[in-house]
């Protein structure tokens, strides 16, 4: 299993609930091995298996959770 890490700029986060919402949403996708969310830096770093999930699906999950990806 080859893994990749990608950092997404996330707009609209204001509290730890936002951090948890993004971690839960993205973490529910298949192939996700790690989700780190930096509230102050407005970013999410996701480690995933590109054979199981693509970046578009990750972005869609963040948007579905109510946030914007820059």
PDB file of N, CA and C in Angstrom:
ATOM      1  N   UNK A   1       0.846  -1.184   0.000  1.00  0.00           N
ATOM      2  CA  UNK A   1       0.000   0.000   0.000  1.00  0.00           C
ATOM      3  C   UNK A   1       0.886   1.241   0.000  1.00  0.00           C
ATOM      4  N   UNK A   2       0.856   1.965  -1.078  1.00  0.00           N
ATOM      5  CA  UNK A   2       1.587   3.233  -1.160  1.00  0.00           C
ATOM      6  C   UNK A   2       0.684   4.331  -0.619  1.00  0.00           C
ATOM      7  N   UNK A   3       1.233   5.152   0.251  1.00  0.00           N
ATOM      8  CA  UNK A   3       0.426   6.239   0.803  1.00  0.00           C
ATOM      9  C   UNK A   3       0.980   7.580   0.355  1.00  0.00           C
ATOM     10  N   UNK A   4       0.093   8.551   0.321  1.00  0.00           N
ATOM     11  CA  UNK A   4       0.452   9.924  -0.007  1.00  0.00           C
ATOM     12  C   UNK A   4      -0.067  10.825   1.098  1.00  0.00           C
ATOM     13  N   UNK A   5       0.575  11.966   1.259  1.00  0.00           N
ATOM     14  CA  UNK A   5       0.072  12.990   2.173  1.00  0.00           C
ATOM     15  C   UNK A   5      -0.183  14.246   1.370  1.00  0.00           C
ATOM     16  N   UNK A   6      -1.296  14.885   1.651  1.00  0.00           N
ATOM     17  CA  UNK A   6      -1.641  16.121   0.962  1.00  0.00           C
ATOM     18  C   UNK A   6      -2.202  17.089   1.989  1.00  0.00           C
ATOM     19  N   UNK A   7      -1.842  18.367   1.825  1.00  0.00           N
ATOM     20  CA  UNK A   7      -2.342  19.405   2.715  1.00  0.00           C
ATOM     21  C   UNK A   7      -3.381  20.232   1.977  1.00  0.00           C
ATOM     22  N   UNK A   8      -4.522  20.424   2.622  1.00  0.00           N
ATOM     23  CA  UNK A   8      -5.627  21.199   2.062  1.00  0.00           C
ATOM     24  C   UNK A   8      -5.812  22.461   2.898  1.00  0.00           C
ATOM     25  N   UNK A   9      -5.953  23.609   2.246  1.00  0.00           N
ATOM     26  CA  UNK A   9      -6.279  24.856   2.939  1.00  0.00           C
ATOM     27  C   UNK A   9      -7.781  24.856   3.170  1.00  0.00           C
ATOM     28  N   UNK A  10      -8.198  24.978   4.420  1.00  0.00           N
ATOM     29  CA  UNK A  10      -9.611  24.881   4.777  1.00  0.00           C
ATOM     30  C   UNK A  10     -10.085  26.202   5.378  1.00  0.00           C
ATOM     31  N   UNK A  11     -11.133  26.757   4.795  1.00  0.00           N
ATOM     32  CA  UNK A  11     -11.719  28.008   5.286  1.00  0.00           C
ATOM     33  C   UNK A  11     -13.013  27.713   6.029  1.00  0.00           C
ATOM     34  N   UNK A  12     -13.296  28.506   7.049  1.00  0.00           N
ATOM     35  CA  UNK A  12     -14.564  28.396   7.756  1.00  0.00           C
ATOM     36  C   UNK A  12     -14.480  27.708   9.107  1.00  0.00           C
ATOM     37  N   UNK A  13     -13.288  27.249   9.496  1.00  0.00           N
ATOM     38  CA  UNK A  13     -13.141  26.625  10.812  1.00  0.00           C
ATOM     39  C   UNK A  13     -13.009  27.711  11.876  1.00  0.00           C
ATOM     40  N   UNK A  14     -13.687  27.504  13.026  1.00  0.00           N
ATOM     41  CA  UNK A  14     -13.598  28.509  14.083  1.00  0.00           C
ATOM     42  C   UNK A  14     -13.370  27.922  15.474  1.00  0.00           C
ATOM     43  N   UNK A  15     -13.477  26.594  15.606  1.00  0.00           N
ATOM     44  CA  UNK A  15     -13.359  26.003  16.944  1.00  0.00           C
ATOM     45  C   UNK A  15     -12.953  24.533  16.837  1.00  0.00           C
ATOM     46  N   UNK A  16     -12.789  23.905  17.990  1.00  0.00           N
ATOM     47  CA  UNK A  16     -12.400  22.498  18.010  1.00  0.00           C
ATOM     48  C   UNK A  16     -13.503  21.583  17.473  1.00  0.00           C
ATOM     49  N   UNK A  17     -14.748  22.027  17.551  1.00  0.00           N
ATOM     50  CA  UNK A  17     -15.837  21.247  16.946  1.00  0.00           C
ATOM     51  C   UNK A  17     -15.607  21.133  15.438  1.00  0.00           C
ATOM     52  N   UNK A  18     -15.159  22.220  14.821  1.00  0.00           N
ATOM     53  CA  UNK A  18     -14.874  22.213  13.382  1.00  0.00           C
ATOM     54  C   UNK A  18     -13.767  21.202  13.069  1.00  0.00           C
ATOM     55  N   UNK A  19     -12.729  21.210  13.890  1.00  0.00           N
ATOM     56  CA  UNK A  19     -11.616  20.272  13.713  1.00  0.00           C
ATOM     57  C   UNK A  19     -12.139  18.834  13.778  1.00  0.00           C
ATOM     58  N   UNK A  20     -12.938  18.544  14.783  1.00  0.00           N
ATOM     59  CA  UNK A  20     -13.493  17.196  14.960  1.00  0.00           C
ATOM     60  C   UNK A  20     -14.393  16.812  13.780  1.00  0.00           C
ATOM     61  N   UNK A  21     -15.200  17.759  13.307  1.00  0.00           N
ATOM     62  CA  UNK A  21     -16.112  17.483  12.189  1.00  0.00           C
ATOM     63  C   UNK A  21     -15.335  17.087  10.934  1.00  0.00           C
ATOM     64  N   UNK A  22     -14.249  17.789  10.665  1.00  0.00           N
ATOM     65  CA  UNK A  22     -13.441  17.479   9.482  1.00  0.00           C
ATOM     66  C   UNK A  22     -12.739  16.136   9.654  1.00  0.00           C
ATOM     67  N   UNK A  23     -12.156  15.898  10.826  1.00  0.00           N
ATOM     68  CA  UNK A  23     -11.484  14.617  11.072  1.00  0.00           C
ATOM     69  C   UNK A  23     -12.454  13.448  10.909  1.00  0.00           C
ATOM     70  N   UNK A  24     -13.653  13.598  11.435  1.00  0.00           N
ATOM     71  CA  UNK A  24     -14.652  12.532  11.354  1.00  0.00           C
ATOM     72  C   UNK A  24     -15.111  12.311   9.914  1.00  0.00           C
ATOM     73  N   UNK A  25     -15.400  13.397   9.205  1.00  0.00           N
ATOM     74  CA  UNK A  25     -15.890  13.288   7.827  1.00  0.00           C
ATOM     75  C   UNK A  25     -14.845  12.654   6.914  1.00  0.00           C
ATOM     76  N   UNK A  26     -13.638  13.193   6.938  1.00  0.00           N
ATOM     77  CA  UNK A  26     -12.582  12.678   6.057  1.00  0.00           C
ATOM     78  C   UNK A  26     -12.165  11.275   6.498  1.00  0.00           C
ATOM     79  N   UNK A  27     -12.093  11.056   7.795  1.00  0.00           N
ATOM     80  CA  UNK A  27     -11.695   9.749   8.317  1.00  0.00           C
ATOM     81  C   UNK A  27     -12.655   8.628   7.974  1.00  0.00           C
ATOM     82  N   UNK A  28     -13.878   8.971   7.592  1.00  0.00           N
ATOM     83  CA  UNK A  28     -14.867   7.947   7.229  1.00  0.00           C
ATOM     84  C   UNK A  28     -14.642   7.376   5.832  1.00  0.00           C
ATOM     85  N   UNK A  29     -13.802   8.028   5.044  1.00  0.00           N
ATOM     86  CA  UNK A  29     -13.523   7.547   3.688  1.00  0.00           C
ATOM     87  C   UNK A  29     -12.603   6.326   3.729  1.00  0.00           C
ATOM     88  N   UNK A  30     -12.757   5.406   2.779  1.00  0.00           N
ATOM     89  CA  UNK A  30     -11.838   4.262   2.716  1.00  0.00           C
ATOM     90  C   UNK A  30     -10.447   4.736   2.312  1.00  0.00           C
ATOM     91  N   UNK A  31      -9.426   4.103   2.845  1.00  0.00           N
ATOM     92  CA  UNK A  31      -8.058   4.421   2.451  1.00  0.00           C
ATOM     93  C   UNK A  31      -7.414   5.566   3.207  1.00  0.00           C
ATOM     94  N   UNK A  32      -8.131   6.176   4.149  1.00  0.00           N
ATOM     95  CA  UNK A  32      -7.566   7.276   4.930  1.00  0.00           C
ATOM     96  C   UNK A  32      -6.830   6.683   6.124  1.00  0.00           C
ATOM     97  N   UNK A  33      -5.548   7.031   6.284  1.00  0.00           N
ATOM     98  CA  UNK A  33      -4.805   6.496   7.421  1.00  0.00           C
ATOM     99  C   UNK A  33      -4.543   7.538   8.500  1.00  0.00           C
ATOM    100  N   UNK A  34      -4.602   8.833   8.141  1.00  0.00           N
ATOM    101  CA  UNK A  34      -4.343   9.874   9.140  1.00  0.00           C
ATOM    102  C   UNK A  34      -4.951  11.192   8.684  1.00  0.00           C
ATOM    103  N   UNK A  35      -5.553  11.911   9.632  1.00  0.00           N
ATOM    104  CA  UNK A  35      -6.095  13.245   9.362  1.00  0.00           C
ATOM    105  C   UNK A  35      -5.642  14.157  10.496  1.00  0.00           C
ATOM    106  N   UNK A  36      -4.849  15.157  10.171  1.00  0.00           N
ATOM    107  CA  UNK A  36      -4.403  16.151  11.146  1.00  0.00           C
ATOM    108  C   UNK A  36      -4.973  17.493  10.717  1.00  0.00           C
ATOM    109  N   UNK A  37      -5.681  18.170  11.616  1.00  0.00           N
ATOM    110  CA  UNK A  37      -6.297  19.454  11.295  1.00  0.00           C
ATOM    111  C   UNK A  37      -5.678  20.534  12.172  1.00  0.00           C
ATOM    112  N   UNK A  38      -5.198  21.598  11.538  1.00  0.00           N
ATOM    113  CA  UNK A  38      -4.587  22.740  12.226  1.00  0.00           C
ATOM    114  C   UNK A  38      -5.568  23.908  12.169  1.00  0.00           C
ATOM    115  N   UNK A  39      -6.244  24.160  13.284  1.00  0.00           N
ATOM    116  CA  UNK A  39      -7.257  25.214  13.346  1.00  0.00           C
ATOM    117  C   UNK A  39      -6.661  26.582  13.051  1.00  0.00           C
ATOM    118  N   UNK A  40      -5.564  26.933  13.710  1.00  0.00           N
ATOM    119  CA  UNK A  40      -4.954  28.254  13.534  1.00  0.00           C
ATOM    120  C   UNK A  40      -4.349  28.417  12.136  1.00  0.00           C
ATOM    121  N   UNK A  41      -3.775  27.343  11.609  1.00  0.00           N
ATOM    122  CA  UNK A  41      -3.170  27.389  10.282  1.00  0.00           C
ATOM    123  C   UNK A  41      -4.172  27.212   9.154  1.00  0.00           C
ATOM    124  N   UNK A  42      -5.420  26.903   9.514  1.00  0.00           N
ATOM    125  CA  UNK A  42      -6.497  26.700   8.541  1.00  0.00           C
ATOM    126  C   UNK A  42      -6.132  25.655   7.491  1.00  0.00           C
ATOM    127  N   UNK A  43      -5.657  24.499   7.971  1.00  0.00           N
ATOM    128  CA  UNK A  43      -5.285  23.461   7.014  1.00  0.00           C
ATOM    129  C   UNK A  43      -5.539  22.075   7.586  1.00  0.00           C
ATOM    130  N   UNK A  44      -5.674  21.142   6.679  1.00  0.00           N
ATOM    131  CA  UNK A  44      -5.836  19.737   7.038  1.00  0.00           C
ATOM    132  C   UNK A  44      -4.818  18.932   6.247  1.00  0.00           C
ATOM    133  N   UNK A  45      -4.042  18.125   6.947  1.00  0.00           N
ATOM    134  CA  UNK A  45      -3.092  17.242   6.279  1.00  0.00           C
ATOM    135  C   UNK A  45      -3.658  15.829   6.342  1.00  0.00           C
ATOM    136  N   UNK A  46      -3.800  15.229   5.176  1.00  0.00           N
ATOM    137  CA  UNK A  46      -4.440  13.918   5.080  1.00  0.00           C
ATOM    138  C   UNK A  46      -3.455  12.925   4.470  1.00  0.00           C
ATOM    139  N   UNK A  47      -3.297  11.789   5.129  1.00  0.00           N
ATOM    140  CA  UNK A  47      -2.476  10.699   4.612  1.00  0.00           C
ATOM    141  C   UNK A  47      -3.440   9.611   4.148  1.00  0.00           C
ATOM    142  N   UNK A  48      -3.260   9.182   2.898  1.00  0.00           N
ATOM    143  CA  UNK A  48      -4.239   8.272   2.297  1.00  0.00           C
ATOM    144  C   UNK A  48      -3.600   7.360   1.265  1.00  0.00           C
ATOM    145  N   UNK A  49      -4.330   6.306   0.930  1.00  0.00           N
ATOM    146  CA  UNK A  49      -3.929   5.366  -0.109  1.00  0.00           C
ATOM    147  C   UNK A  49      -4.627   5.789  -1.405  1.00  0.00           C
ATOM    148  N   UNK A  50      -3.876   6.303  -2.391  1.00  0.00           N
ATOM    149  CA  UNK A  50      -4.501   6.782  -3.623  1.00  0.00           C
ATOM    150  C   UNK A  50      -5.171   5.681  -4.447  1.00  0.00           C
ATOM    151  N   UNK A  51      -4.905   4.432  -4.135  1.00  0.00           N
ATOM    152  CA  UNK A  51      -5.590   3.335  -4.821  1.00  0.00           C
ATOM    153  C   UNK A  51      -7.023   3.176  -4.307  1.00  0.00           C
ATOM    154  N   UNK A  52      -7.304   3.741  -3.123  1.00  0.00           N
ATOM    155  CA  UNK A  52      -8.633   3.600  -2.528  1.00  0.00           C
ATOM    156  C   UNK A  52      -9.450   4.884  -2.522  1.00  0.00           C
ATOM    157  N   UNK A  53      -8.791   6.030  -2.519  1.00  0.00           N
ATOM    158  CA  UNK A  53      -9.506   7.308  -2.451  1.00  0.00           C
ATOM    159  C   UNK A  53      -8.697   8.375  -3.189  1.00  0.00           C
ATOM    160  N   UNK A  54      -9.389   9.310  -3.836  1.00  0.00           N
ATOM    161  CA  UNK A  54      -8.684  10.381  -4.539  1.00  0.00           C
ATOM    162  C   UNK A  54      -8.896  11.713  -3.818  1.00  0.00           C
ATOM    163  N   UNK A  55      -8.101  12.699  -4.223  1.00  0.00           N
ATOM    164  CA  UNK A  55      -8.180  14.003  -3.555  1.00  0.00           C
ATOM    165  C   UNK A  55      -9.546  14.654  -3.757  1.00  0.00           C
ATOM    166  N   UNK A  56     -10.181  14.420  -4.881  1.00  0.00           N
ATOM    167  CA  UNK A  56     -11.508  14.995  -5.115  1.00  0.00           C
ATOM    168  C   UNK A  56     -12.507  14.519  -4.064  1.00  0.00           C
ATOM    169  N   UNK A  57     -12.456  13.240  -3.732  1.00  0.00           N
ATOM    170  CA  UNK A  57     -13.358  12.691  -2.713  1.00  0.00           C
ATOM    171  C   UNK A  57     -13.083  13.304  -1.341  1.00  0.00           C
ATOM    172  N   UNK A  58     -11.819  13.542  -1.041  1.00  0.00           N
ATOM    173  CA  UNK A  58     -11.452  14.167   0.236  1.00  0.00           C
ATOM    174  C   UNK A  58     -12.004  15.589   0.288  1.00  0.00           C
ATOM    175  N   UNK A  59     -11.815  16.336  -0.791  1.00  0.00           N
ATOM    176  CA  UNK A  59     -12.331  17.707  -0.858  1.00  0.00           C
ATOM    177  C   UNK A  59     -13.851  17.712  -0.719  1.00  0.00           C
ATOM    178  N   UNK A  60     -14.521  16.793  -1.402  1.00  0.00           N
ATOM    179  CA  UNK A  60     -15.988  16.715  -1.316  1.00  0.00           C
ATOM    180  C   UNK A  60     -16.450  16.472   0.116  1.00  0.00           C
ATOM    181  N   UNK A  61     -15.748  15.630   0.867  1.00  0.00           N
ATOM    182  CA  UNK A  61     -16.119  15.360   2.261  1.00  0.00           C
ATOM    183  C   UNK A  61     -15.959  16.612   3.122  1.00  0.00           C
ATOM    184  N   UNK A  62     -14.891  17.368   2.887  1.00  0.00           N
ATOM    185  CA  UNK A  62     -14.677  18.603   3.648  1.00  0.00           C
ATOM    186  C   UNK A  62     -15.796  19.597   3.346  1.00  0.00           C
ATOM    187  N   UNK A  63     -16.157  19.721   2.076  1.00  0.00           N
ATOM    188  CA  UNK A  63     -17.232  20.636   1.668  1.00  0.00           C
ATOM    189  C   UNK A  63     -18.575  20.170   2.242  1.00  0.00           C
ATOM    190  N   UNK A  64     -18.845  18.866   2.189  1.00  0.00           N
ATOM    191  CA  UNK A  64     -20.088  18.324   2.757  1.00  0.00           C
ATOM    192  C   UNK A  64     -20.197  18.615   4.255  1.00  0.00           C
ATOM    193  N   UNK A  65     -19.049  18.701   4.931  1.00  0.00           N
ATOM    194  CA  UNK A  65     -19.039  18.992   6.371  1.00  0.00           C
ATOM    195  C   UNK A  65     -19.289  20.477   6.647  1.00  0.00           C
ATOM    196  N   UNK A  66     -19.319  21.294   5.579  1.00  0.00           N
ATOM    197  CA  UNK A  66     -19.664  22.703   5.740  1.00  0.00           C
ATOM    198  C   UNK A  66     -18.508  23.677   5.648  1.00  0.00           C
ATOM    199  N   UNK A  67     -17.386  23.239   5.090  1.00  0.00           N
ATOM    200  CA  UNK A  67     -16.201  24.092   5.008  1.00  0.00           C
ATOM    201  C   UNK A  67     -15.777  24.261   3.554  1.00  0.00           C
ATOM    202  N   UNK A  68     -14.937  25.250   3.314  1.00  0.00           N
ATOM    203  CA  UNK A  68     -14.451  25.512   1.960  1.00  0.00           C
ATOM    204  C   UNK A  68     -12.994  25.099   1.855  1.00  0.00           C
ATOM    205  N   UNK A  69     -12.632  24.556   0.708  1.00  0.00           N
ATOM    206  CA  UNK A  69     -11.242  24.211   0.436  1.00  0.00           C
ATOM    207  C   UNK A  69     -10.712  25.226  -0.558  1.00  0.00           C
ATOM    208  N   UNK A  70      -9.662  25.938  -0.149  1.00  0.00           N
ATOM    209  CA  UNK A  70      -9.093  26.994  -1.001  1.00  0.00           C
ATOM    210  C   UNK A  70      -8.170  26.390  -2.043  1.00  0.00           C
TER     211      UNK A  70
END
